[in-house]
Amino acid sequence: MPTPNSALTALWNDYAEYAARPTGVLTLDERRGVAFYLADRDDAADVEPFVRRWIRNVHDVDTFRQQHGRLPRADPARPRPATDEQALVDVLAYFREVGNADGYCTYQRRRLEAIPGFAWRPRDARWEEMLQRHQQFWADNGRAPQRRALDGDEVSIGRWVAHQRARHRRGALPGDREQQLRRARYRIL
C-alpha cells in the first residue's frame, strides 16, 4: 500500500463517497472507478483479475518511487536488460499508451497522476524543462550555453539547443515548439 500524498488522499476521499452510493445511481465511469478504488485500498477486495493486476502494477511503481525518489528510467543499453526497473519502465509506457488513447476511466487517470513525477507525455515535460534550463542559464551567465564546455550541465543544454536548431533546419520541429523557441526571452531560433 502506497504512502498517500494529497492527490491520492483526495482521490480516495472522492471514491469512498461513490463506493457508499447504490450502484444504480453511478455512471459507468464511476462504477468502473469504484472497482479500481476498492482494489487500491484492499488487497482482498473482490474485483476482476485485470483490475487487480493493474493496481498491483501501480503499487509496484509507487514502491519504486518511494524507494528511489524517482520514477523508473529506461536503460540506454540495447537490447534492454531484463531488470525489475526496466519492467516498470515498460509498465509505465503501457499506461501512457492506453491513457493517451483515452482508454482509462477517471479513477485510473487520476491514480496515475497521483504518482509524484508521473507525466502522460514525459518527453514533452523534458523538452519544457530543457527550455527552462536554457533560459535560466542565460539569465545566470549572460551568454549562450556551449556544447564543448567543462560543465556537464552546460554541455547538455548546449547540445539540446543544437538539436532544436538542427530539427528546425530539417523541418522536423513542431510548429508549437518553434513558436516557443522564438517567443522565449533568450531566443533559440
N, C-alpha and C. Protein backbone atom coordinates (compact mmCIF):
# COMPACT_ATOMS: atom_id res chain seq x y z
N MET A 1 0.86 -1.18 0.00
CA MET A 1 0.00 0.00 0.00
C MET A 1 0.90 1.24 0.00
N PRO A 2 0.66 2.17 -0.92
CA PRO A 2 1.50 3.37 -1.01
C PRO A 2 1.22 4.34 0.13
N THR A 3 2.21 5.19 0.39
CA THR A 3 2.01 6.28 1.34
C THR A 3 1.22 7.37 0.61
N PRO A 4 0.03 7.70 1.11
CA PRO A 4 -0.80 8.66 0.37
C PRO A 4 -0.25 10.08 0.42
N ASN A 5 -0.27 10.74 -0.75
CA ASN A 5 0.02 12.17 -0.82
C ASN A 5 -1.33 12.89 -0.93
N SER A 6 -1.32 14.20 -1.09
CA SER A 6 -2.59 14.94 -1.09
C SER A 6 -3.47 14.57 -2.28
N ALA A 7 -2.86 14.33 -3.45
CA ALA A 7 -3.65 13.95 -4.62
C ALA A 7 -4.29 12.58 -4.43
N LEU A 8 -3.55 11.65 -3.87
CA LEU A 8 -4.09 10.31 -3.64
C LEU A 8 -5.16 10.32 -2.56
N THR A 9 -4.94 11.10 -1.52
CA THR A 9 -5.95 11.22 -0.46
C THR A 9 -7.24 11.80 -1.01
N ALA A 10 -7.14 12.84 -1.83
CA ALA A 10 -8.34 13.45 -2.43
C ALA A 10 -9.06 12.44 -3.32
N LEU A 11 -8.29 11.68 -4.10
CA LEU A 11 -8.89 10.66 -4.97
C LEU A 11 -9.63 9.62 -4.14
N TRP A 12 -8.98 9.11 -3.10
CA TRP A 12 -9.62 8.10 -2.26
C TRP A 12 -10.85 8.65 -1.56
N ASN A 13 -10.81 9.90 -1.13
CA ASN A 13 -11.99 10.50 -0.50
C ASN A 13 -13.16 10.59 -1.49
N ASP A 14 -12.88 11.00 -2.72
CA ASP A 14 -13.93 11.10 -3.73
C ASP A 14 -14.56 9.73 -3.98
N TYR A 15 -13.72 8.71 -4.12
CA TYR A 15 -14.26 7.39 -4.46
C TYR A 15 -14.82 6.65 -3.27
N ALA A 16 -14.47 7.04 -2.05
CA ALA A 16 -15.13 6.48 -0.87
C ALA A 16 -16.60 6.89 -0.89
N GLU A 17 -16.86 8.13 -1.33
CA GLU A 17 -18.24 8.60 -1.45
C GLU A 17 -18.99 7.82 -2.53
N TYR A 18 -18.36 7.60 -3.67
CA TYR A 18 -19.01 6.82 -4.73
C TYR A 18 -19.28 5.40 -4.27
N ALA A 19 -18.33 4.80 -3.56
CA ALA A 19 -18.48 3.41 -3.11
C ALA A 19 -19.63 3.27 -2.12
N ALA A 20 -19.96 4.36 -1.42
CA ALA A 20 -21.04 4.32 -0.43
C ALA A 20 -22.42 4.47 -1.08
N ARG A 21 -22.46 4.90 -2.33
CA ARG A 21 -23.75 5.09 -3.02
C ARG A 21 -24.23 3.77 -3.64
N PRO A 22 -25.52 3.67 -3.88
CA PRO A 22 -26.03 2.49 -4.60
C PRO A 22 -25.49 2.49 -6.03
N THR A 23 -25.12 1.32 -6.54
CA THR A 23 -24.51 1.27 -7.87
C THR A 23 -25.47 1.75 -8.96
N GLY A 24 -26.75 1.67 -8.73
CA GLY A 24 -27.73 2.10 -9.74
C GLY A 24 -27.70 3.59 -10.03
N VAL A 25 -27.17 4.39 -9.12
CA VAL A 25 -27.13 5.84 -9.35
C VAL A 25 -25.78 6.29 -9.89
N LEU A 26 -24.82 5.38 -10.01
CA LEU A 26 -23.50 5.74 -10.50
C LEU A 26 -23.43 5.63 -12.02
N THR A 27 -22.61 6.46 -12.62
CA THR A 27 -22.36 6.34 -14.05
C THR A 27 -21.46 5.12 -14.28
N LEU A 28 -21.33 4.72 -15.52
CA LEU A 28 -20.46 3.59 -15.85
C LEU A 28 -19.01 3.90 -15.43
N ASP A 29 -18.56 5.12 -15.70
CA ASP A 29 -17.20 5.52 -15.32
C ASP A 29 -17.01 5.45 -13.81
N GLU A 30 -17.99 5.91 -13.05
CA GLU A 30 -17.91 5.87 -11.59
C GLU A 30 -17.90 4.43 -11.08
N ARG A 31 -18.76 3.57 -11.64
CA ARG A 31 -18.78 2.16 -11.22
C ARG A 31 -17.44 1.49 -11.50
N ARG A 32 -16.89 1.76 -12.67
CA ARG A 32 -15.58 1.19 -13.01
C ARG A 32 -14.51 1.71 -12.06
N GLY A 33 -14.58 3.00 -11.77
CA GLY A 33 -13.62 3.61 -10.85
C GLY A 33 -13.71 3.04 -9.44
N VAL A 34 -14.91 2.73 -8.99
CA VAL A 34 -15.08 2.15 -7.66
C VAL A 34 -14.38 0.80 -7.57
N ALA A 35 -14.43 0.00 -8.63
CA ALA A 35 -13.73 -1.29 -8.63
C ALA A 35 -12.22 -1.08 -8.45
N PHE A 36 -11.65 -0.11 -9.16
CA PHE A 36 -10.22 0.17 -9.02
C PHE A 36 -9.92 0.74 -7.63
N TYR A 37 -10.80 1.59 -7.13
CA TYR A 37 -10.63 2.15 -5.78
C TYR A 37 -10.60 1.04 -4.73
N LEU A 38 -11.56 0.11 -4.80
CA LEU A 38 -11.61 -0.97 -3.82
C LEU A 38 -10.36 -1.83 -3.86
N ALA A 39 -9.88 -2.13 -5.07
CA ALA A 39 -8.65 -2.92 -5.20
C ALA A 39 -7.44 -2.14 -4.70
N ASP A 40 -7.45 -0.84 -4.89
CA ASP A 40 -6.35 0.02 -4.46
C ASP A 40 -6.25 0.06 -2.94
N ARG A 41 -7.38 0.06 -2.28
CA ARG A 41 -7.41 0.19 -0.82
C ARG A 41 -7.36 -1.14 -0.08
N ASP A 42 -7.80 -2.24 -0.74
CA ASP A 42 -7.93 -3.51 -0.03
C ASP A 42 -7.48 -4.66 -0.94
N ASP A 43 -6.40 -5.32 -0.55
CA ASP A 43 -5.88 -6.44 -1.35
C ASP A 43 -6.87 -7.60 -1.44
N ALA A 44 -7.80 -7.68 -0.52
CA ALA A 44 -8.76 -8.79 -0.52
C ALA A 44 -10.07 -8.45 -1.22
N ALA A 45 -10.17 -7.26 -1.81
CA ALA A 45 -11.42 -6.85 -2.47
C ALA A 45 -11.74 -7.80 -3.62
N ASP A 46 -13.02 -8.06 -3.82
CA ASP A 46 -13.48 -8.95 -4.88
C ASP A 46 -13.63 -8.15 -6.17
N VAL A 47 -12.59 -8.18 -7.00
CA VAL A 47 -12.59 -7.42 -8.26
C VAL A 47 -12.08 -8.33 -9.38
N GLU A 48 -12.27 -7.88 -10.61
CA GLU A 48 -11.80 -8.63 -11.77
C GLU A 48 -10.28 -8.78 -11.72
N PRO A 49 -9.76 -9.89 -12.25
CA PRO A 49 -8.30 -10.08 -12.25
C PRO A 49 -7.55 -8.95 -12.95
N PHE A 50 -8.14 -8.41 -14.04
CA PHE A 50 -7.48 -7.30 -14.74
C PHE A 50 -7.31 -6.10 -13.82
N VAL A 51 -8.32 -5.80 -13.04
CA VAL A 51 -8.27 -4.66 -12.11
C VAL A 51 -7.18 -4.91 -11.07
N ARG A 52 -7.14 -6.11 -10.53
CA ARG A 52 -6.14 -6.46 -9.52
C ARG A 52 -4.71 -6.31 -10.09
N ARG A 53 -4.49 -6.82 -11.32
CA ARG A 53 -3.16 -6.71 -11.95
C ARG A 53 -2.77 -5.26 -12.18
N TRP A 54 -3.73 -4.45 -12.66
CA TRP A 54 -3.45 -3.05 -12.95
C TRP A 54 -3.04 -2.32 -11.66
N ILE A 55 -3.80 -2.54 -10.60
CA ILE A 55 -3.48 -1.89 -9.32
C ILE A 55 -2.16 -2.41 -8.78
N ARG A 56 -1.88 -3.70 -8.92
CA ARG A 56 -0.60 -4.24 -8.46
C ARG A 56 0.56 -3.54 -9.18
N ASN A 57 0.42 -3.32 -10.48
CA ASN A 57 1.45 -2.60 -11.24
C ASN A 57 1.62 -1.16 -10.74
N VAL A 58 0.51 -0.50 -10.45
CA VAL A 58 0.59 0.87 -9.92
C VAL A 58 1.30 0.86 -8.57
N HIS A 59 0.96 -0.10 -7.72
CA HIS A 59 1.62 -0.20 -6.42
C HIS A 59 3.12 -0.46 -6.57
N ASP A 60 3.50 -1.27 -7.57
CA ASP A 60 4.93 -1.53 -7.81
C ASP A 60 5.65 -0.23 -8.21
N VAL A 61 5.00 0.58 -9.06
CA VAL A 61 5.59 1.86 -9.45
C VAL A 61 5.68 2.78 -8.23
N ASP A 62 4.61 2.82 -7.42
CA ASP A 62 4.63 3.62 -6.18
C ASP A 62 5.78 3.21 -5.27
N THR A 63 5.96 1.91 -5.09
CA THR A 63 7.01 1.40 -4.22
C THR A 63 8.39 1.80 -4.75
N PHE A 64 8.60 1.64 -6.05
CA PHE A 64 9.87 2.04 -6.65
C PHE A 64 10.10 3.52 -6.42
N ARG A 65 9.08 4.34 -6.64
CA ARG A 65 9.18 5.80 -6.46
C ARG A 65 9.56 6.14 -5.03
N GLN A 66 8.96 5.45 -4.07
CA GLN A 66 9.26 5.72 -2.66
C GLN A 66 10.67 5.28 -2.29
N GLN A 67 11.13 4.16 -2.84
CA GLN A 67 12.45 3.65 -2.50
C GLN A 67 13.58 4.44 -3.16
N HIS A 68 13.37 4.91 -4.39
CA HIS A 68 14.44 5.53 -5.16
C HIS A 68 14.29 7.04 -5.32
N GLY A 69 13.13 7.58 -4.95
CA GLY A 69 12.92 9.02 -5.07
C GLY A 69 12.73 9.49 -6.50
N ARG A 70 12.46 8.57 -7.41
CA ARG A 70 12.25 8.90 -8.82
C ARG A 70 11.45 7.78 -9.48
N LEU A 71 10.95 8.07 -10.65
CA LEU A 71 10.29 7.03 -11.43
C LEU A 71 11.35 6.17 -12.12
N PRO A 72 10.98 4.96 -12.52
CA PRO A 72 11.95 4.11 -13.22
C PRO A 72 12.40 4.75 -14.53
N ARG A 73 13.67 4.51 -14.88
CA ARG A 73 14.25 5.05 -16.12
C ARG A 73 14.67 3.90 -17.01
N ALA A 74 14.51 4.12 -18.31
CA ALA A 74 14.92 3.12 -19.28
C ALA A 74 16.44 3.03 -19.31
N ASP A 75 16.94 1.83 -19.45
CA ASP A 75 18.38 1.60 -19.59
C ASP A 75 18.76 1.93 -21.03
N PRO A 76 19.82 2.71 -21.24
CA PRO A 76 20.18 3.07 -22.62
C PRO A 76 20.79 1.92 -23.42
N ALA A 77 21.17 0.83 -22.75
CA ALA A 77 21.79 -0.30 -23.45
C ALA A 77 20.78 -0.97 -24.38
N ARG A 78 21.29 -1.47 -25.49
CA ARG A 78 20.47 -2.22 -26.43
C ARG A 78 21.08 -3.59 -26.62
N PRO A 79 20.35 -4.65 -26.57
CA PRO A 79 18.95 -4.69 -26.15
C PRO A 79 18.84 -4.38 -24.66
N ARG A 80 17.67 -3.90 -24.28
CA ARG A 80 17.47 -3.51 -22.90
C ARG A 80 17.57 -4.74 -21.99
N PRO A 81 18.29 -4.60 -20.87
CA PRO A 81 18.41 -5.74 -19.95
C PRO A 81 17.08 -6.02 -19.26
N ALA A 82 16.87 -7.26 -18.91
CA ALA A 82 15.63 -7.67 -18.24
C ALA A 82 15.77 -7.46 -16.74
N THR A 83 15.60 -6.22 -16.31
CA THR A 83 15.68 -5.88 -14.88
C THR A 83 14.31 -5.51 -14.37
N ASP A 84 14.17 -5.48 -13.05
CA ASP A 84 12.90 -5.06 -12.46
C ASP A 84 12.57 -3.62 -12.83
N GLU A 85 13.60 -2.76 -12.86
CA GLU A 85 13.37 -1.37 -13.22
C GLU A 85 12.89 -1.26 -14.67
N GLN A 86 13.50 -2.01 -15.57
CA GLN A 86 13.08 -1.96 -16.97
C GLN A 86 11.65 -2.48 -17.13
N ALA A 87 11.27 -3.48 -16.34
CA ALA A 87 9.90 -3.99 -16.39
C ALA A 87 8.92 -2.88 -15.99
N LEU A 88 9.29 -2.06 -15.00
CA LEU A 88 8.43 -0.95 -14.60
C LEU A 88 8.41 0.15 -15.65
N VAL A 89 9.52 0.36 -16.35
CA VAL A 89 9.55 1.31 -17.46
C VAL A 89 8.53 0.87 -18.52
N ASP A 90 8.50 -0.41 -18.79
CA ASP A 90 7.56 -0.95 -19.77
C ASP A 90 6.11 -0.80 -19.30
N VAL A 91 5.89 -1.00 -18.01
CA VAL A 91 4.55 -0.81 -17.44
C VAL A 91 4.10 0.63 -17.62
N LEU A 92 4.98 1.58 -17.30
CA LEU A 92 4.63 3.00 -17.46
C LEU A 92 4.37 3.35 -18.92
N ALA A 93 5.16 2.78 -19.83
CA ALA A 93 4.94 3.04 -21.25
C ALA A 93 3.56 2.54 -21.67
N TYR A 94 3.18 1.37 -21.19
CA TYR A 94 1.85 0.83 -21.49
C TYR A 94 0.76 1.73 -20.90
N PHE A 95 0.94 2.14 -19.64
CA PHE A 95 -0.04 3.03 -19.01
C PHE A 95 -0.24 4.28 -19.84
N ARG A 96 0.86 4.87 -20.29
CA ARG A 96 0.77 6.11 -21.07
C ARG A 96 0.10 5.88 -22.42
N GLU A 97 0.44 4.79 -23.06
CA GLU A 97 -0.14 4.49 -24.37
C GLU A 97 -1.65 4.36 -24.29
N VAL A 98 -2.13 3.60 -23.32
CA VAL A 98 -3.58 3.41 -23.16
C VAL A 98 -4.23 4.71 -22.70
N GLY A 99 -3.59 5.40 -21.76
CA GLY A 99 -4.15 6.65 -21.24
C GLY A 99 -4.24 7.73 -22.29
N ASN A 100 -3.22 7.83 -23.14
CA ASN A 100 -3.24 8.84 -24.20
C ASN A 100 -4.29 8.53 -25.26
N ALA A 101 -4.74 7.29 -25.31
CA ALA A 101 -5.80 6.91 -26.25
C ALA A 101 -7.17 6.94 -25.57
N ASP A 102 -7.25 7.57 -24.40
CA ASP A 102 -8.49 7.67 -23.61
C ASP A 102 -9.07 6.30 -23.27
N GLY A 103 -8.20 5.37 -22.91
CA GLY A 103 -8.64 4.02 -22.59
C GLY A 103 -8.86 3.76 -21.11
N TYR A 104 -8.77 4.80 -20.28
CA TYR A 104 -8.92 4.61 -18.84
C TYR A 104 -10.12 5.35 -18.31
N CYS A 105 -10.65 4.82 -17.21
CA CYS A 105 -11.70 5.54 -16.50
C CYS A 105 -11.04 6.67 -15.70
N THR A 106 -11.84 7.54 -15.16
CA THR A 106 -11.35 8.70 -14.44
C THR A 106 -10.46 8.29 -13.26
N TYR A 107 -10.88 7.25 -12.54
CA TYR A 107 -10.07 6.82 -11.39
C TYR A 107 -8.67 6.42 -11.83
N GLN A 108 -8.56 5.66 -12.90
CA GLN A 108 -7.25 5.23 -13.36
C GLN A 108 -6.36 6.42 -13.74
N ARG A 109 -6.93 7.37 -14.46
CA ARG A 109 -6.15 8.55 -14.86
C ARG A 109 -5.68 9.33 -13.63
N ARG A 110 -6.60 9.57 -12.71
CA ARG A 110 -6.23 10.34 -11.51
C ARG A 110 -5.26 9.56 -10.63
N ARG A 111 -5.39 8.23 -10.62
CA ARG A 111 -4.49 7.41 -9.79
C ARG A 111 -3.06 7.52 -10.31
N LEU A 112 -2.89 7.46 -11.62
CA LEU A 112 -1.55 7.61 -12.19
C LEU A 112 -1.02 9.02 -11.96
N GLU A 113 -1.87 10.02 -12.11
CA GLU A 113 -1.45 11.40 -11.92
C GLU A 113 -1.08 11.69 -10.46
N ALA A 114 -1.53 10.83 -9.54
CA ALA A 114 -1.20 11.00 -8.11
C ALA A 114 0.22 10.49 -7.79
N ILE A 115 0.86 9.81 -8.73
CA ILE A 115 2.23 9.35 -8.52
C ILE A 115 3.16 10.55 -8.77
N PRO A 116 3.93 10.96 -7.77
CA PRO A 116 4.81 12.12 -7.96
C PRO A 116 5.76 11.91 -9.15
N GLY A 117 5.81 12.90 -10.04
CA GLY A 117 6.70 12.84 -11.19
C GLY A 117 6.08 12.21 -12.43
N PHE A 118 4.89 11.63 -12.30
CA PHE A 118 4.27 11.00 -13.47
C PHE A 118 3.82 12.06 -14.46
N ALA A 119 4.06 11.81 -15.74
CA ALA A 119 3.59 12.69 -16.81
C ALA A 119 3.07 11.81 -17.93
N TRP A 120 1.99 12.23 -18.55
CA TRP A 120 1.43 11.46 -19.66
C TRP A 120 2.35 11.50 -20.87
N ARG A 121 3.01 12.61 -21.05
CA ARG A 121 3.96 12.76 -22.17
C ARG A 121 5.30 13.24 -21.60
N PRO A 122 6.08 12.32 -21.06
CA PRO A 122 7.30 12.75 -20.37
C PRO A 122 8.31 13.44 -21.27
N ARG A 123 8.31 13.11 -22.56
CA ARG A 123 9.24 13.80 -23.46
C ARG A 123 8.87 15.27 -23.60
N ASP A 124 7.58 15.56 -23.60
CA ASP A 124 7.15 16.96 -23.64
C ASP A 124 7.58 17.68 -22.36
N ALA A 125 7.43 17.00 -21.24
CA ALA A 125 7.84 17.60 -19.96
C ALA A 125 9.35 17.83 -19.95
N ARG A 126 10.11 16.89 -20.48
CA ARG A 126 11.57 17.03 -20.54
C ARG A 126 11.94 18.20 -21.46
N TRP A 127 11.24 18.35 -22.59
CA TRP A 127 11.51 19.45 -23.52
C TRP A 127 11.28 20.79 -22.81
N GLU A 128 10.16 20.89 -22.11
CA GLU A 128 9.85 22.13 -21.38
C GLU A 128 10.91 22.41 -20.31
N GLU A 129 11.36 21.35 -19.64
CA GLU A 129 12.40 21.51 -18.63
C GLU A 129 13.69 22.04 -19.25
N MET A 130 14.06 21.51 -20.41
CA MET A 130 15.29 21.95 -21.06
C MET A 130 15.18 23.41 -21.52
N LEU A 131 14.02 23.80 -22.00
CA LEU A 131 13.82 25.20 -22.38
C LEU A 131 13.99 26.10 -21.15
N GLN A 132 13.43 25.69 -20.02
CA GLN A 132 13.56 26.47 -18.79
C GLN A 132 15.02 26.53 -18.34
N ARG A 133 15.73 25.41 -18.44
CA ARG A 133 17.15 25.39 -18.05
C ARG A 133 17.96 26.32 -18.96
N HIS A 134 17.62 26.36 -20.26
CA HIS A 134 18.32 27.26 -21.19
C HIS A 134 18.09 28.71 -20.78
N GLN A 135 16.85 29.05 -20.52
CA GLN A 135 16.53 30.41 -20.14
C GLN A 135 17.23 30.80 -18.83
N GLN A 136 17.25 29.89 -17.88
CA GLN A 136 17.91 30.16 -16.60
C GLN A 136 19.42 30.30 -16.78
N PHE A 137 20.01 29.50 -17.66
CA PHE A 137 21.45 29.59 -17.91
C PHE A 137 21.79 30.98 -18.46
N TRP A 138 21.01 31.44 -19.44
CA TRP A 138 21.23 32.77 -19.99
C TRP A 138 21.10 33.84 -18.91
N ALA A 139 20.04 33.73 -18.10
CA ALA A 139 19.82 34.73 -17.05
C ALA A 139 20.96 34.75 -16.04
N ASP A 140 21.50 33.58 -15.71
CA ASP A 140 22.57 33.49 -14.72
C ASP A 140 23.94 33.88 -15.28
N ASN A 141 24.20 33.56 -16.56
CA ASN A 141 25.54 33.71 -17.12
C ASN A 141 25.67 34.80 -18.18
N GLY A 142 24.56 35.30 -18.69
CA GLY A 142 24.61 36.36 -19.69
C GLY A 142 25.16 35.92 -21.04
N ARG A 143 25.12 34.64 -21.32
CA ARG A 143 25.64 34.12 -22.59
C ARG A 143 24.97 32.78 -22.89
N ALA A 144 25.12 32.35 -24.13
CA ALA A 144 24.55 31.06 -24.55
C ALA A 144 25.38 29.90 -23.98
N PRO A 145 24.74 28.78 -23.68
CA PRO A 145 25.49 27.61 -23.22
C PRO A 145 26.31 27.01 -24.37
N GLN A 146 27.48 26.50 -24.03
CA GLN A 146 28.39 25.93 -25.03
C GLN A 146 28.32 24.40 -25.01
N ARG A 147 28.39 23.81 -26.20
CA ARG A 147 28.36 22.36 -26.30
C ARG A 147 29.67 21.73 -25.85
N ARG A 148 30.75 22.49 -25.87
CA ARG A 148 32.06 21.93 -25.52
C ARG A 148 32.62 22.58 -24.24
N ALA A 149 31.76 22.82 -23.30
CA ALA A 149 32.17 23.42 -22.03
C ALA A 149 32.68 22.33 -21.08
N LEU A 150 33.22 22.74 -19.97
CA LEU A 150 33.70 21.79 -18.96
C LEU A 150 32.57 21.34 -18.04
N ASP A 151 31.57 22.19 -17.87
CA ASP A 151 30.44 21.88 -17.00
C ASP A 151 29.45 20.99 -17.75
N GLY A 152 29.16 19.82 -17.19
CA GLY A 152 28.26 18.86 -17.84
C GLY A 152 26.86 19.39 -18.06
N ASP A 153 26.36 20.20 -17.12
CA ASP A 153 25.03 20.77 -17.27
C ASP A 153 24.98 21.73 -18.45
N GLU A 154 26.00 22.56 -18.57
CA GLU A 154 26.08 23.49 -19.70
C GLU A 154 26.15 22.72 -21.02
N VAL A 155 26.92 21.65 -21.05
CA VAL A 155 27.05 20.83 -22.26
C VAL A 155 25.69 20.26 -22.67
N SER A 156 24.94 19.72 -21.70
CA SER A 156 23.64 19.12 -22.04
C SER A 156 22.67 20.17 -22.58
N ILE A 157 22.69 21.37 -22.02
CA ILE A 157 21.82 22.44 -22.52
C ILE A 157 22.28 22.86 -23.92
N GLY A 158 23.58 23.04 -24.10
CA GLY A 158 24.11 23.42 -25.41
C GLY A 158 23.78 22.39 -26.49
N ARG A 159 23.87 21.12 -26.15
CA ARG A 159 23.53 20.07 -27.12
C ARG A 159 22.04 20.08 -27.44
N TRP A 160 21.23 20.33 -26.41
CA TRP A 160 19.79 20.39 -26.64
C TRP A 160 19.46 21.54 -27.60
N VAL A 161 20.09 22.70 -27.41
CA VAL A 161 19.87 23.84 -28.30
C VAL A 161 20.28 23.48 -29.73
N ALA A 162 21.45 22.87 -29.88
CA ALA A 162 21.92 22.48 -31.22
C ALA A 162 20.95 21.50 -31.87
N HIS A 163 20.41 20.59 -31.07
CA HIS A 163 19.44 19.62 -31.59
C HIS A 163 18.17 20.31 -32.05
N GLN A 164 17.69 21.29 -31.29
CA GLN A 164 16.47 22.02 -31.68
C GLN A 164 16.70 22.78 -32.98
N ARG A 165 17.86 23.40 -33.11
CA ARG A 165 18.17 24.15 -34.34
C ARG A 165 18.28 23.20 -35.54
N ALA A 166 18.90 22.05 -35.34
CA ALA A 166 19.03 21.07 -36.43
C ALA A 166 17.65 20.56 -36.85
N ARG A 167 16.79 20.28 -35.88
CA ARG A 167 15.43 19.83 -36.20
C ARG A 167 14.68 20.91 -36.97
N HIS A 168 14.88 22.17 -36.59
CA HIS A 168 14.24 23.28 -37.28
C HIS A 168 14.71 23.35 -38.74
N ARG A 169 16.02 23.24 -38.97
CA ARG A 169 16.56 23.28 -40.33
C ARG A 169 16.01 22.15 -41.20
N ARG A 170 15.81 20.98 -40.60
CA ARG A 170 15.27 19.83 -41.34
C ARG A 170 13.76 19.91 -41.51
N GLY A 171 13.11 20.85 -40.86
CA GLY A 171 11.66 20.96 -40.92
C GLY A 171 10.97 19.95 -40.02
N ALA A 172 11.70 19.42 -39.03
CA ALA A 172 11.16 18.39 -38.14
C ALA A 172 10.72 18.93 -36.78
N LEU A 173 10.84 20.22 -36.57
CA LEU A 173 10.44 20.82 -35.29
C LEU A 173 8.97 21.20 -35.37
N PRO A 174 8.13 20.66 -34.46
CA PRO A 174 6.71 21.00 -34.48
C PRO A 174 6.50 22.51 -34.36
N GLY A 175 5.46 23.01 -35.01
CA GLY A 175 5.18 24.45 -35.05
C GLY A 175 5.03 25.09 -33.69
N ASP A 176 4.36 24.39 -32.76
CA ASP A 176 4.18 24.99 -31.43
C ASP A 176 5.51 25.15 -30.71
N ARG A 177 6.41 24.20 -30.90
CA ARG A 177 7.73 24.31 -30.26
C ARG A 177 8.55 25.41 -30.92
N GLU A 178 8.44 25.52 -32.23
CA GLU A 178 9.15 26.59 -32.94
C GLU A 178 8.72 27.95 -32.37
N GLN A 179 7.41 28.10 -32.20
CA GLN A 179 6.90 29.36 -31.65
C GLN A 179 7.42 29.61 -30.24
N GLN A 180 7.48 28.57 -29.42
CA GLN A 180 8.00 28.74 -28.07
C GLN A 180 9.47 29.17 -28.10
N LEU A 181 10.23 28.58 -28.99
CA LEU A 181 11.65 28.93 -29.08
C LEU A 181 11.84 30.35 -29.59
N ARG A 182 10.94 30.82 -30.44
CA ARG A 182 11.02 32.19 -30.94
C ARG A 182 10.52 33.21 -29.92
N ARG A 183 9.53 32.82 -29.11
CA ARG A 183 8.96 33.73 -28.11
C ARG A 183 9.76 33.80 -26.81
N ALA A 184 10.67 32.86 -26.61
CA ALA A 184 11.44 32.82 -25.38
C ALA A 184 12.23 34.13 -25.21
N ARG A 185 12.43 34.52 -23.97
CA ARG A 185 13.18 35.76 -23.70
C ARG A 185 14.56 35.71 -24.34
N TYR A 186 15.24 34.59 -24.16
CA TYR A 186 16.54 34.37 -24.79
C TYR A 186 16.29 33.39 -25.94
N ARG A 187 16.04 33.96 -27.12
CA ARG A 187 15.62 33.17 -28.28
C ARG A 187 16.65 32.12 -28.67
N ILE A 188 16.12 31.01 -29.16
CA ILE A 188 16.98 29.92 -29.63
C ILE A 188 16.98 29.91 -31.15
N LEU A 189 15.86 30.27 -31.74
CA LEU A 189 15.77 30.33 -33.22
C LEU A 189 15.76 31.79 -33.67
